[in-house]
């Protein structure tokens, strides 16, 4: 029992350390690289507005469009790494932000439903649930071959339950490649470390259902 507890403590420490580094990188991208690019963009736009030479003006315009695209990509990347809403507004707002990004990237529609009153979760639990959902949605994009996903959050006084159902191709556990198997195992371990659980059921031709539950404390 002590060995299992020690292993869980080590796993939890590694995950927490990784999340702190991811958060730092996301902030660095947003406040450092992103802000520098924005300064360059405004400078180029100023030069472009005062240039009369058509060839130079066209070149500067192309550069400003490229920088605008790069700034947008950095914004999307920071949302994927660590959405600001996760800290500022809570889990549900962060998931809505992620789903919007997800649909624009993969073209898969997400039908979100939430019942009950949202509770404030400890940051560690918010991050764990967000990462599990993120892994689930990346697997759907890679393997499910579907155009829509249904997600339901059920908030109760002592438990949060999340159901993610796709209507894709489904799978059999024995047919999973190593990446899929390790991804699903990581999802289950994440929830286990928070005192929750993650169950996954799938049938060929009928899609996959992922159920995440997390105990809530007053």
N, C-alpha and C. Protein backbone atom coordinates (compact mmCIF):
# COMPACT_ATOMS: atom_id res chain seq x y z
N UNK A 1 0.84 -1.20 0.00
CA UNK A 1 0.00 0.00 0.00
C UNK A 1 0.87 1.25 0.00
N UNK A 2 1.96 1.24 0.83
CA UNK A 2 2.87 2.39 0.89
C UNK A 2 3.56 2.60 -0.45
N UNK A 3 3.87 1.48 -1.13
CA UNK A 3 4.53 1.57 -2.43
C UNK A 3 3.61 2.23 -3.46
N UNK A 4 2.33 1.86 -3.44
CA UNK A 4 1.34 2.45 -4.35
C UNK A 4 1.19 3.93 -4.06
N UNK A 5 1.13 4.29 -2.76
CA UNK A 5 0.97 5.69 -2.37
C UNK A 5 2.18 6.51 -2.82
N UNK A 6 3.38 5.94 -2.64
CA UNK A 6 4.61 6.63 -3.05
C UNK A 6 4.64 6.83 -4.56
N UNK A 7 4.23 5.81 -5.30
CA UNK A 7 4.19 5.91 -6.76
C UNK A 7 3.23 7.01 -7.20
N UNK A 8 2.06 7.09 -6.55
CA UNK A 8 1.08 8.12 -6.87
C UNK A 8 1.62 9.52 -6.55
N UNK A 9 2.36 9.63 -5.43
CA UNK A 9 2.94 10.92 -5.06
C UNK A 9 3.98 11.37 -6.09
N UNK A 10 4.78 10.42 -6.57
CA UNK A 10 5.80 10.73 -7.57
C UNK A 10 5.13 11.15 -8.88
N UNK A 11 4.10 10.40 -9.29
CA UNK A 11 3.36 10.73 -10.52
C UNK A 11 2.74 12.11 -10.41
N UNK A 12 2.14 12.41 -9.25
CA UNK A 12 1.50 13.69 -9.03
C UNK A 12 2.53 14.83 -9.09
N UNK A 13 3.70 14.60 -8.51
CA UNK A 13 4.76 15.62 -8.52
C UNK A 13 5.23 15.89 -9.95
N UNK A 14 5.42 14.82 -10.72
CA UNK A 14 5.88 14.97 -12.12
C UNK A 14 4.85 15.76 -12.93
N UNK A 15 3.57 15.40 -12.78
CA UNK A 15 2.50 16.09 -13.52
C UNK A 15 2.43 17.56 -13.12
N UNK A 16 2.50 17.83 -11.82
CA UNK A 16 2.43 19.22 -11.34
C UNK A 16 3.60 20.04 -11.90
N UNK A 17 4.78 19.45 -11.92
CA UNK A 17 5.97 20.13 -12.43
C UNK A 17 5.82 20.42 -13.93
N UNK A 18 5.32 19.44 -14.66
CA UNK A 18 5.09 19.62 -16.10
C UNK A 18 4.08 20.75 -16.34
N UNK A 19 3.00 20.76 -15.56
CA UNK A 19 1.96 21.78 -15.74
C UNK A 19 2.49 23.18 -15.45
N UNK A 20 3.33 23.30 -14.43
CA UNK A 20 3.92 24.61 -14.13
C UNK A 20 4.78 25.10 -15.29
N UNK A 21 5.52 24.17 -15.91
CA UNK A 21 6.38 24.54 -17.03
C UNK A 21 5.53 24.91 -18.26
N UNK A 22 4.47 24.15 -18.50
CA UNK A 22 3.56 24.45 -19.61
C UNK A 22 2.93 25.83 -19.42
N UNK A 23 2.50 26.12 -18.19
CA UNK A 23 1.90 27.42 -17.88
C UNK A 23 2.90 28.55 -18.12
N UNK A 24 4.17 28.32 -17.71
CA UNK A 24 5.22 29.33 -17.90
C UNK A 24 5.47 29.58 -19.39
N UNK A 25 5.52 28.50 -20.18
CA UNK A 25 5.76 28.63 -21.62
C UNK A 25 4.60 29.38 -22.29
N UNK A 26 3.37 29.04 -21.90
CA UNK A 26 2.19 29.71 -22.46
C UNK A 26 2.22 31.21 -22.17
N UNK A 27 2.58 31.57 -20.93
CA UNK A 27 2.65 32.98 -20.56
C UNK A 27 3.77 33.69 -21.32
N UNK A 28 4.89 32.98 -21.48
CA UNK A 28 6.04 33.54 -22.21
C UNK A 28 5.66 33.80 -23.66
N UNK A 29 4.93 32.87 -24.27
CA UNK A 29 4.49 33.04 -25.66
C UNK A 29 3.54 34.22 -25.79
N UNK A 30 2.60 34.31 -24.85
CA UNK A 30 1.57 35.36 -24.93
C UNK A 30 2.14 36.74 -24.62
N UNK A 31 2.86 36.84 -23.49
CA UNK A 31 3.31 38.16 -23.03
C UNK A 31 4.67 38.55 -23.60
N UNK A 32 5.46 37.58 -24.04
CA UNK A 32 6.77 37.87 -24.59
C UNK A 32 6.77 37.91 -26.11
N UNK A 33 6.75 36.73 -26.71
CA UNK A 33 6.81 36.61 -28.18
C UNK A 33 5.61 37.31 -28.83
N UNK A 34 4.42 37.07 -28.30
CA UNK A 34 3.21 37.66 -28.88
C UNK A 34 3.25 39.18 -28.87
N UNK A 35 3.66 39.76 -27.74
CA UNK A 35 3.70 41.22 -27.63
C UNK A 35 4.78 41.81 -28.53
N UNK A 36 5.93 41.12 -28.63
CA UNK A 36 7.00 41.59 -29.52
C UNK A 36 6.55 41.61 -30.98
N UNK A 37 5.85 40.54 -31.37
CA UNK A 37 5.35 40.48 -32.75
C UNK A 37 4.33 41.58 -33.01
N UNK A 38 3.50 41.87 -32.01
CA UNK A 38 2.50 42.93 -32.17
C UNK A 38 3.19 44.29 -32.37
N UNK A 39 4.26 44.51 -31.63
CA UNK A 39 5.02 45.76 -31.79
C UNK A 39 5.62 45.87 -33.19
N UNK A 40 6.16 44.74 -33.68
CA UNK A 40 6.71 44.72 -35.05
C UNK A 40 5.61 44.99 -36.07
N UNK A 41 4.44 44.40 -35.83
CA UNK A 41 3.31 44.58 -36.74
C UNK A 41 2.90 46.05 -36.84
N UNK A 42 2.75 46.71 -35.71
CA UNK A 42 2.33 48.12 -35.74
C UNK A 42 3.40 49.00 -36.40
N UNK A 43 4.67 48.63 -36.21
CA UNK A 43 5.76 49.37 -36.86
C UNK A 43 5.72 49.23 -38.37
N UNK A 44 5.49 48.00 -38.84
CA UNK A 44 5.39 47.76 -40.28
C UNK A 44 4.19 48.47 -40.89
N UNK A 45 3.07 48.45 -40.15
CA UNK A 45 1.87 49.13 -40.66
C UNK A 45 2.10 50.63 -40.78
N UNK A 46 2.86 51.18 -39.84
CA UNK A 46 3.18 52.61 -39.89
C UNK A 46 4.05 52.93 -41.11
N UNK A 47 5.07 52.07 -41.36
CA UNK A 47 5.95 52.27 -42.51
C UNK A 47 5.17 52.11 -43.81
N UNK A 48 4.29 51.09 -43.83
CA UNK A 48 3.49 50.82 -45.03
C UNK A 48 2.59 52.02 -45.38
N UNK A 49 2.00 52.64 -44.36
CA UNK A 49 1.09 53.76 -44.60
C UNK A 49 1.81 54.98 -45.17
N UNK A 50 3.12 55.09 -44.92
CA UNK A 50 3.86 56.26 -45.41
C UNK A 50 4.67 55.99 -46.66
N UNK A 51 4.55 54.78 -47.21
CA UNK A 51 5.33 54.42 -48.40
C UNK A 51 4.51 54.63 -49.67
N UNK A 52 5.12 55.25 -50.65
CA UNK A 52 4.43 55.51 -51.92
C UNK A 52 4.79 54.47 -52.99
N UNK A 53 5.98 53.86 -52.86
CA UNK A 53 6.45 52.90 -53.87
C UNK A 53 5.56 51.65 -53.83
N UNK A 54 4.84 51.34 -54.93
CA UNK A 54 3.89 50.22 -54.95
C UNK A 54 4.53 48.87 -54.60
N UNK A 55 5.70 48.60 -55.13
CA UNK A 55 6.34 47.30 -54.91
C UNK A 55 6.70 47.12 -53.43
N UNK A 56 7.25 48.19 -52.85
CA UNK A 56 7.61 48.14 -51.43
C UNK A 56 6.35 48.03 -50.58
N UNK A 57 5.33 48.80 -50.96
CA UNK A 57 4.06 48.79 -50.21
C UNK A 57 3.43 47.39 -50.22
N UNK A 58 3.44 46.72 -51.38
CA UNK A 58 2.89 45.36 -51.49
C UNK A 58 3.68 44.38 -50.63
N UNK A 59 5.01 44.54 -50.64
CA UNK A 59 5.86 43.64 -49.85
C UNK A 59 5.57 43.82 -48.36
N UNK A 60 5.50 45.08 -47.92
CA UNK A 60 5.21 45.35 -46.51
C UNK A 60 3.84 44.82 -46.11
N UNK A 61 2.87 44.93 -47.02
CA UNK A 61 1.53 44.43 -46.74
C UNK A 61 1.54 42.90 -46.56
N UNK A 62 2.29 42.22 -47.41
CA UNK A 62 2.41 40.76 -47.29
C UNK A 62 3.05 40.39 -45.95
N UNK A 63 4.04 41.15 -45.52
CA UNK A 63 4.72 40.89 -44.24
C UNK A 63 3.77 41.10 -43.06
N UNK A 64 2.94 42.16 -43.15
CA UNK A 64 2.00 42.41 -42.05
C UNK A 64 0.96 41.29 -41.95
N UNK A 65 0.51 40.79 -43.11
CA UNK A 65 -0.45 39.67 -43.10
C UNK A 65 0.17 38.42 -42.49
N UNK A 66 1.44 38.18 -42.81
CA UNK A 66 2.14 37.01 -42.27
C UNK A 66 2.30 37.11 -40.75
N UNK A 67 2.65 38.30 -40.30
CA UNK A 67 2.81 38.50 -38.85
C UNK A 67 1.46 38.39 -38.13
N UNK A 68 0.39 38.92 -38.74
CA UNK A 68 -0.94 38.79 -38.15
C UNK A 68 -1.33 37.32 -38.01
N UNK A 69 -1.02 36.54 -39.04
CA UNK A 69 -1.32 35.10 -39.00
C UNK A 69 -0.51 34.41 -37.90
N UNK A 70 0.75 34.80 -37.77
CA UNK A 70 1.61 34.21 -36.73
C UNK A 70 1.12 34.56 -35.33
N UNK A 71 0.68 35.80 -35.14
CA UNK A 71 0.14 36.22 -33.85
C UNK A 71 -1.10 35.39 -33.50
N UNK A 72 -1.96 35.16 -34.49
CA UNK A 72 -3.16 34.36 -34.27
C UNK A 72 -2.80 32.92 -33.90
N UNK A 73 -1.80 32.35 -34.58
CA UNK A 73 -1.37 30.99 -34.29
C UNK A 73 -0.82 30.88 -32.87
N UNK A 74 -0.09 31.91 -32.43
CA UNK A 74 0.45 31.91 -31.07
C UNK A 74 -0.68 31.99 -30.05
N UNK A 75 -1.69 32.81 -30.35
CA UNK A 75 -2.86 32.90 -29.45
C UNK A 75 -3.55 31.54 -29.32
N UNK A 76 -3.74 30.87 -30.45
CA UNK A 76 -4.38 29.56 -30.43
C UNK A 76 -3.53 28.55 -29.67
N UNK A 77 -2.21 28.63 -29.84
CA UNK A 77 -1.31 27.70 -29.16
C UNK A 77 -1.34 27.91 -27.65
N UNK A 78 -1.39 29.17 -27.21
CA UNK A 78 -1.43 29.43 -25.77
C UNK A 78 -2.74 28.94 -25.15
N UNK A 79 -3.83 29.05 -25.91
CA UNK A 79 -5.11 28.52 -25.42
C UNK A 79 -5.03 27.01 -25.26
N UNK A 80 -4.38 26.35 -26.21
CA UNK A 80 -4.25 24.90 -26.15
C UNK A 80 -3.32 24.46 -25.02
N UNK A 81 -2.25 25.21 -24.81
CA UNK A 81 -1.30 24.87 -23.75
C UNK A 81 -1.90 25.10 -22.37
N UNK A 82 -2.43 26.30 -22.16
CA UNK A 82 -3.02 26.63 -20.86
C UNK A 82 -3.97 27.80 -21.04
N UNK A 83 -5.25 27.52 -21.29
CA UNK A 83 -6.20 28.60 -21.55
C UNK A 83 -6.30 29.56 -20.38
N UNK A 84 -6.19 30.86 -20.61
CA UNK A 84 -6.30 31.85 -19.53
C UNK A 84 -7.60 31.70 -18.75
N UNK A 85 -8.66 31.30 -19.44
CA UNK A 85 -9.97 31.16 -18.78
C UNK A 85 -9.94 30.09 -17.69
N UNK A 86 -9.03 29.12 -17.80
CA UNK A 86 -8.96 28.04 -16.82
C UNK A 86 -8.64 28.59 -15.44
N UNK A 87 -7.78 29.61 -15.39
CA UNK A 87 -7.43 30.24 -14.12
C UNK A 87 -8.42 31.33 -13.74
N UNK A 88 -8.80 32.14 -14.74
CA UNK A 88 -9.61 33.34 -14.46
C UNK A 88 -11.10 33.04 -14.31
N UNK A 89 -11.64 32.14 -15.15
CA UNK A 89 -13.09 31.98 -15.21
C UNK A 89 -13.60 30.59 -14.83
N UNK A 90 -12.71 29.61 -14.73
CA UNK A 90 -13.14 28.28 -14.33
C UNK A 90 -13.16 27.26 -15.46
N UNK A 91 -13.49 26.03 -15.09
CA UNK A 91 -13.40 24.90 -16.02
C UNK A 91 -14.33 25.03 -17.21
N UNK A 92 -15.60 25.34 -16.96
CA UNK A 92 -16.59 25.35 -18.04
C UNK A 92 -16.24 26.41 -19.10
N UNK A 93 -15.84 27.59 -18.66
CA UNK A 93 -15.46 28.66 -19.60
C UNK A 93 -14.23 28.24 -20.41
N UNK A 94 -13.29 27.57 -19.75
CA UNK A 94 -12.08 27.12 -20.45
C UNK A 94 -12.42 26.05 -21.50
N UNK A 95 -13.35 25.16 -21.17
CA UNK A 95 -13.75 24.13 -22.12
C UNK A 95 -14.46 24.74 -23.31
N UNK A 96 -15.31 25.74 -23.07
CA UNK A 96 -16.01 26.42 -24.18
C UNK A 96 -15.00 27.08 -25.11
N UNK A 97 -13.99 27.70 -24.54
CA UNK A 97 -12.94 28.34 -25.32
C UNK A 97 -12.19 27.29 -26.14
N UNK A 98 -11.90 26.15 -25.51
CA UNK A 98 -11.18 25.08 -26.21
C UNK A 98 -12.04 24.48 -27.32
N UNK A 99 -13.32 24.28 -27.07
CA UNK A 99 -14.20 23.70 -28.09
C UNK A 99 -14.29 24.59 -29.32
N UNK A 100 -14.31 25.91 -29.10
CA UNK A 100 -14.35 26.84 -30.22
C UNK A 100 -13.09 26.70 -31.08
N UNK A 101 -11.95 26.61 -30.43
CA UNK A 101 -10.68 26.40 -31.12
C UNK A 101 -10.67 25.05 -31.83
N UNK A 102 -11.18 24.03 -31.15
CA UNK A 102 -11.20 22.66 -31.67
C UNK A 102 -12.03 22.57 -32.96
N UNK A 103 -13.21 23.18 -32.94
CA UNK A 103 -14.09 23.15 -34.11
C UNK A 103 -13.46 23.89 -35.28
N UNK A 104 -12.86 25.06 -35.00
CA UNK A 104 -12.24 25.83 -36.09
C UNK A 104 -11.03 25.11 -36.67
N UNK A 105 -10.37 24.27 -35.86
CA UNK A 105 -9.18 23.55 -36.32
C UNK A 105 -9.53 22.27 -37.07
N UNK A 106 -10.46 21.49 -36.52
CA UNK A 106 -10.74 20.15 -37.07
C UNK A 106 -12.08 20.04 -37.79
N UNK A 107 -12.93 21.06 -37.68
CA UNK A 107 -14.22 21.00 -38.34
C UNK A 107 -15.21 20.06 -37.68
N UNK A 108 -14.93 19.66 -36.44
CA UNK A 108 -15.82 18.75 -35.71
C UNK A 108 -16.68 19.58 -34.76
N UNK A 109 -17.99 19.51 -34.90
CA UNK A 109 -18.90 20.29 -34.08
C UNK A 109 -19.02 19.67 -32.69
N UNK A 110 -19.04 20.53 -31.67
CA UNK A 110 -19.17 20.07 -30.29
C UNK A 110 -20.47 20.60 -29.71
N UNK A 111 -21.34 19.67 -29.32
CA UNK A 111 -22.63 20.03 -28.71
C UNK A 111 -22.46 19.93 -27.19
N UNK A 112 -22.38 21.08 -26.53
CA UNK A 112 -22.11 21.10 -25.08
C UNK A 112 -23.39 21.37 -24.30
N UNK A 113 -23.60 20.57 -23.26
CA UNK A 113 -24.75 20.76 -22.36
C UNK A 113 -24.23 20.72 -20.93
N UNK A 114 -24.73 21.60 -20.10
CA UNK A 114 -24.33 21.60 -18.69
C UNK A 114 -25.57 21.73 -17.82
N UNK A 115 -25.69 20.84 -16.84
CA UNK A 115 -26.83 20.90 -15.92
C UNK A 115 -26.33 21.01 -14.49
N UNK A 116 -27.11 21.70 -13.67
CA UNK A 116 -26.70 21.93 -12.29
C UNK A 116 -25.86 23.20 -12.19
N UNK A 117 -25.50 23.56 -11.00
CA UNK A 117 -24.73 24.79 -10.75
C UNK A 117 -23.24 24.48 -10.73
N UNK A 118 -22.49 25.20 -11.57
CA UNK A 118 -21.04 24.98 -11.62
C UNK A 118 -20.40 25.30 -10.28
N UNK A 119 -19.51 24.41 -9.85
CA UNK A 119 -18.78 24.60 -8.59
C UNK A 119 -17.36 25.06 -8.90
N UNK A 120 -16.76 25.76 -7.96
CA UNK A 120 -15.36 26.18 -8.09
C UNK A 120 -14.46 25.02 -7.72
N UNK A 121 -13.60 24.62 -8.65
CA UNK A 121 -12.69 23.49 -8.41
C UNK A 121 -11.29 23.99 -8.08
N UNK A 122 -10.55 23.24 -7.27
CA UNK A 122 -9.13 23.58 -7.07
C UNK A 122 -8.41 23.58 -8.42
N UNK A 123 -7.41 24.43 -8.57
CA UNK A 123 -6.74 24.55 -9.87
C UNK A 123 -6.18 23.22 -10.34
N UNK A 124 -5.64 22.43 -9.42
CA UNK A 124 -5.08 21.14 -9.78
C UNK A 124 -6.14 20.24 -10.43
N UNK A 125 -7.35 20.28 -9.90
CA UNK A 125 -8.44 19.46 -10.44
C UNK A 125 -8.94 20.01 -11.77
N UNK A 126 -9.00 21.35 -11.87
CA UNK A 126 -9.39 21.96 -13.15
C UNK A 126 -8.44 21.53 -14.26
N UNK A 127 -7.14 21.58 -13.97
CA UNK A 127 -6.14 21.22 -14.97
C UNK A 127 -6.26 19.75 -15.34
N UNK A 128 -6.45 18.88 -14.35
CA UNK A 128 -6.55 17.45 -14.60
C UNK A 128 -7.73 17.13 -15.52
N UNK A 129 -8.90 17.71 -15.20
CA UNK A 129 -10.09 17.45 -16.02
C UNK A 129 -9.91 18.02 -17.42
N UNK A 130 -9.35 19.22 -17.50
CA UNK A 130 -9.11 19.84 -18.81
C UNK A 130 -8.20 18.97 -19.66
N UNK A 131 -7.10 18.46 -19.08
CA UNK A 131 -6.16 17.63 -19.84
C UNK A 131 -6.80 16.32 -20.30
N UNK A 132 -7.62 15.74 -19.45
CA UNK A 132 -8.30 14.49 -19.82
C UNK A 132 -9.25 14.74 -20.99
N UNK A 133 -10.02 15.82 -20.92
CA UNK A 133 -10.93 16.16 -22.01
C UNK A 133 -10.14 16.49 -23.29
N UNK A 134 -9.05 17.19 -23.13
CA UNK A 134 -8.20 17.55 -24.27
C UNK A 134 -7.68 16.29 -24.97
N UNK A 135 -7.20 15.33 -24.18
CA UNK A 135 -6.70 14.07 -24.75
C UNK A 135 -7.83 13.32 -25.46
N UNK A 136 -9.01 13.32 -24.84
CA UNK A 136 -10.16 12.65 -25.46
C UNK A 136 -10.50 13.26 -26.81
N UNK A 137 -10.50 14.59 -26.87
CA UNK A 137 -10.86 15.27 -28.12
C UNK A 137 -9.78 15.13 -29.19
N UNK A 138 -8.53 15.06 -28.78
CA UNK A 138 -7.47 14.84 -29.77
C UNK A 138 -7.59 13.42 -30.35
N UNK A 139 -7.93 12.46 -29.51
CA UNK A 139 -8.14 11.09 -30.00
C UNK A 139 -9.31 11.03 -30.98
N UNK A 140 -10.36 11.78 -30.67
CA UNK A 140 -11.53 11.81 -31.57
C UNK A 140 -11.12 12.37 -32.93
N UNK A 141 -10.34 13.47 -32.91
CA UNK A 141 -9.90 14.08 -34.17
C UNK A 141 -9.02 13.14 -34.98
N UNK A 142 -8.18 12.36 -34.29
CA UNK A 142 -7.23 11.49 -34.98
C UNK A 142 -7.86 10.19 -35.48
N UNK A 143 -8.74 9.61 -34.66
CA UNK A 143 -9.14 8.22 -34.93
C UNK A 143 -10.64 7.99 -35.15
N UNK A 144 -11.50 8.88 -34.67
CA UNK A 144 -12.93 8.54 -34.62
C UNK A 144 -13.65 8.65 -35.96
N UNK A 145 -13.15 9.50 -36.86
CA UNK A 145 -13.81 9.71 -38.16
C UNK A 145 -15.27 10.11 -37.95
N UNK A 146 -15.46 11.25 -37.26
CA UNK A 146 -16.80 11.74 -36.98
C UNK A 146 -16.86 13.24 -37.20
N UNK A 147 -18.06 13.78 -37.33
CA UNK A 147 -18.21 15.22 -37.56
C UNK A 147 -18.85 15.94 -36.38
N UNK A 148 -19.26 15.18 -35.36
CA UNK A 148 -19.85 15.84 -34.19
C UNK A 148 -19.63 15.03 -32.92
N UNK A 149 -19.59 15.75 -31.81
CA UNK A 149 -19.37 15.15 -30.49
C UNK A 149 -20.37 15.78 -29.52
N UNK A 150 -20.91 14.97 -28.63
CA UNK A 150 -21.80 15.49 -27.58
C UNK A 150 -21.05 15.44 -26.24
N UNK A 151 -21.12 16.54 -25.51
CA UNK A 151 -20.48 16.62 -24.19
C UNK A 151 -21.51 17.09 -23.18
N UNK A 152 -21.56 16.40 -22.05
CA UNK A 152 -22.51 16.81 -21.02
C UNK A 152 -21.79 16.91 -19.67
N UNK A 153 -21.89 18.09 -19.05
CA UNK A 153 -21.40 18.30 -17.69
C UNK A 153 -22.59 18.19 -16.74
N UNK A 154 -22.48 17.37 -15.72
CA UNK A 154 -23.53 17.26 -14.71
C UNK A 154 -22.93 17.63 -13.36
N UNK A 155 -23.36 18.79 -12.85
CA UNK A 155 -22.86 19.28 -11.56
C UNK A 155 -23.82 18.87 -10.46
N UNK A 156 -23.34 18.09 -9.51
CA UNK A 156 -24.12 17.75 -8.33
C UNK A 156 -23.40 18.29 -7.10
N UNK A 157 -24.04 18.18 -5.95
CA UNK A 157 -23.46 18.77 -4.74
C UNK A 157 -22.11 18.14 -4.39
N UNK A 158 -21.97 16.84 -4.68
CA UNK A 158 -20.74 16.16 -4.27
C UNK A 158 -19.96 15.52 -5.41
N UNK A 159 -20.42 15.75 -6.65
CA UNK A 159 -19.71 15.10 -7.76
C UNK A 159 -19.95 15.84 -9.08
N UNK A 160 -18.90 15.91 -9.87
CA UNK A 160 -18.99 16.39 -11.25
C UNK A 160 -18.82 15.20 -12.18
N UNK A 161 -19.75 15.05 -13.10
CA UNK A 161 -19.65 13.99 -14.09
C UNK A 161 -19.62 14.61 -15.48
N UNK A 162 -18.71 14.13 -16.31
CA UNK A 162 -18.61 14.62 -17.69
C UNK A 162 -18.72 13.41 -18.62
N UNK A 163 -19.63 13.50 -19.58
CA UNK A 163 -19.79 12.44 -20.58
C UNK A 163 -19.42 12.99 -21.96
N UNK A 164 -18.51 12.32 -22.61
CA UNK A 164 -18.06 12.71 -23.96
C UNK A 164 -18.41 11.56 -24.90
N UNK A 165 -19.33 11.81 -25.81
CA UNK A 165 -19.76 10.75 -26.73
C UNK A 165 -19.53 11.17 -28.18
N UNK A 166 -18.77 10.35 -28.89
CA UNK A 166 -18.64 10.58 -30.33
C UNK A 166 -19.44 9.51 -31.07
N UNK A 167 -19.68 9.74 -32.32
CA UNK A 167 -20.50 8.81 -33.11
C UNK A 167 -19.68 8.28 -34.27
N UNK A 168 -18.40 8.01 -33.95
CA UNK A 168 -17.45 7.60 -34.98
C UNK A 168 -17.31 6.11 -35.14
N UNK A 169 -16.13 5.71 -35.55
CA UNK A 169 -15.88 4.32 -35.94
C UNK A 169 -15.74 3.36 -34.76
N UNK A 170 -15.42 3.88 -33.56
CA UNK A 170 -15.25 3.00 -32.41
C UNK A 170 -13.96 2.20 -32.50
N UNK A 171 -13.69 1.40 -31.47
CA UNK A 171 -12.47 0.59 -31.48
C UNK A 171 -12.61 -0.60 -30.54
N UNK A 172 -11.70 -1.55 -30.69
CA UNK A 172 -11.58 -2.68 -29.78
C UNK A 172 -10.27 -2.52 -29.02
N UNK A 173 -10.27 -2.69 -27.71
CA UNK A 173 -9.07 -2.45 -26.89
C UNK A 173 -7.82 -3.16 -27.40
N UNK A 174 -7.98 -4.39 -27.87
CA UNK A 174 -6.81 -5.16 -28.32
C UNK A 174 -6.22 -4.65 -29.63
N UNK A 175 -6.98 -3.77 -30.32
CA UNK A 175 -6.50 -3.28 -31.61
C UNK A 175 -5.84 -1.90 -31.52
N UNK A 176 -5.76 -1.36 -30.31
CA UNK A 176 -5.18 -0.03 -30.13
C UNK A 176 -3.68 -0.03 -30.39
N UNK A 177 -3.21 1.05 -31.02
CA UNK A 177 -1.76 1.18 -31.18
C UNK A 177 -1.17 1.71 -29.86
N UNK A 178 0.17 1.63 -29.69
CA UNK A 178 0.78 2.02 -28.41
C UNK A 178 0.45 3.47 -27.99
N UNK A 179 0.40 4.40 -28.94
CA UNK A 179 0.09 5.79 -28.60
C UNK A 179 -1.32 5.92 -28.04
N UNK A 180 -2.28 5.25 -28.68
CA UNK A 180 -3.67 5.30 -28.19
C UNK A 180 -3.77 4.69 -26.79
N UNK A 181 -3.15 3.53 -26.62
CA UNK A 181 -3.22 2.83 -25.34
C UNK A 181 -2.60 3.66 -24.21
N UNK A 182 -1.44 4.27 -24.48
CA UNK A 182 -0.78 5.08 -23.44
C UNK A 182 -1.58 6.34 -23.14
N UNK A 183 -2.22 6.92 -24.18
CA UNK A 183 -3.05 8.11 -23.98
C UNK A 183 -4.24 7.82 -23.09
N UNK A 184 -4.90 6.69 -23.34
CA UNK A 184 -6.06 6.31 -22.51
C UNK A 184 -5.64 5.99 -21.08
N UNK A 185 -4.48 5.33 -20.94
CA UNK A 185 -3.96 5.01 -19.60
C UNK A 185 -3.63 6.29 -18.83
N UNK A 186 -3.08 7.29 -19.53
CA UNK A 186 -2.73 8.56 -18.89
C UNK A 186 -3.99 9.30 -18.42
N UNK A 187 -5.06 9.22 -19.22
CA UNK A 187 -6.32 9.84 -18.82
C UNK A 187 -6.83 9.24 -17.51
N UNK A 188 -6.79 7.92 -17.43
CA UNK A 188 -7.28 7.24 -16.22
C UNK A 188 -6.42 7.57 -15.01
N UNK A 189 -5.10 7.63 -15.22
CA UNK A 189 -4.20 7.94 -14.11
C UNK A 189 -4.39 9.37 -13.62
N UNK A 190 -4.58 10.30 -14.55
CA UNK A 190 -4.82 11.71 -14.17
C UNK A 190 -6.00 11.80 -13.20
N UNK A 191 -7.10 11.15 -13.57
CA UNK A 191 -8.29 11.24 -12.74
C UNK A 191 -8.09 10.49 -11.42
N UNK A 192 -7.38 9.39 -11.46
CA UNK A 192 -7.13 8.62 -10.24
C UNK A 192 -6.37 9.47 -9.22
N UNK A 193 -5.42 10.27 -9.70
CA UNK A 193 -4.60 11.11 -8.81
C UNK A 193 -5.41 12.24 -8.17
N UNK A 194 -6.57 12.58 -8.75
CA UNK A 194 -7.43 13.61 -8.16
C UNK A 194 -8.53 13.00 -7.29
N UNK A 195 -8.52 11.68 -7.19
CA UNK A 195 -9.58 11.00 -6.45
C UNK A 195 -10.78 10.68 -7.30
N UNK A 196 -10.68 10.94 -8.59
CA UNK A 196 -11.79 10.67 -9.51
C UNK A 196 -11.55 9.42 -10.33
N UNK A 197 -12.29 9.31 -11.41
CA UNK A 197 -12.12 8.13 -12.27
C UNK A 197 -12.48 8.50 -13.71
N UNK A 198 -11.99 7.68 -14.61
CA UNK A 198 -12.29 7.85 -16.04
C UNK A 198 -12.55 6.48 -16.63
N UNK A 199 -13.73 6.29 -17.21
CA UNK A 199 -14.06 5.02 -17.84
C UNK A 199 -14.30 5.23 -19.33
N UNK A 200 -13.90 4.25 -20.12
CA UNK A 200 -13.99 4.36 -21.58
C UNK A 200 -14.64 3.10 -22.13
N UNK A 201 -15.71 3.29 -22.90
CA UNK A 201 -16.36 2.15 -23.55
C UNK A 201 -16.55 2.47 -25.02
N UNK A 202 -16.40 1.46 -25.86
CA UNK A 202 -16.48 1.69 -27.30
C UNK A 202 -16.94 0.43 -28.02
N UNK A 203 -17.66 0.65 -29.12
CA UNK A 203 -18.08 -0.46 -29.98
C UNK A 203 -17.80 -0.09 -31.43
N UNK A 204 -17.30 -1.05 -32.16
CA UNK A 204 -17.01 -0.81 -33.57
C UNK A 204 -18.29 -0.37 -34.29
N UNK A 205 -18.21 0.75 -34.98
CA UNK A 205 -19.35 1.26 -35.75
C UNK A 205 -20.35 2.05 -34.94
N UNK A 206 -20.17 2.11 -33.60
CA UNK A 206 -21.13 2.81 -32.76
C UNK A 206 -20.51 3.96 -31.97
N UNK A 207 -19.22 4.16 -32.10
CA UNK A 207 -18.57 5.28 -31.43
C UNK A 207 -18.05 4.93 -30.06
N UNK A 208 -17.68 5.97 -29.32
CA UNK A 208 -17.02 5.82 -28.02
C UNK A 208 -17.65 6.74 -26.99
N UNK A 209 -17.76 6.24 -25.76
CA UNK A 209 -18.26 7.03 -24.64
C UNK A 209 -17.18 7.10 -23.57
N UNK A 210 -16.84 8.31 -23.18
CA UNK A 210 -15.88 8.53 -22.10
C UNK A 210 -16.62 9.21 -20.96
N UNK A 211 -16.52 8.62 -19.79
CA UNK A 211 -17.17 9.19 -18.60
C UNK A 211 -16.11 9.54 -17.57
N UNK A 212 -16.13 10.80 -17.17
CA UNK A 212 -15.18 11.30 -16.18
C UNK A 212 -15.97 11.73 -14.96
N UNK A 213 -15.53 11.32 -13.79
CA UNK A 213 -16.20 11.77 -12.57
C UNK A 213 -15.17 12.28 -11.58
N UNK A 214 -15.55 13.33 -10.86
CA UNK A 214 -14.65 13.95 -9.89
C UNK A 214 -15.43 14.29 -8.64
N UNK A 215 -15.01 13.78 -7.47
CA UNK A 215 -15.71 14.14 -6.24
C UNK A 215 -15.50 15.61 -5.91
N UNK A 216 -16.53 16.27 -5.43
CA UNK A 216 -16.45 17.69 -5.09
C UNK A 216 -16.50 17.86 -3.58
N UNK A 217 -15.64 18.74 -3.09
CA UNK A 217 -15.63 19.01 -1.65
C UNK A 217 -16.22 20.39 -1.41
N UNK A 218 -16.81 20.56 -0.27
CA UNK A 218 -17.42 21.86 0.07
C UNK A 218 -16.33 22.90 0.28
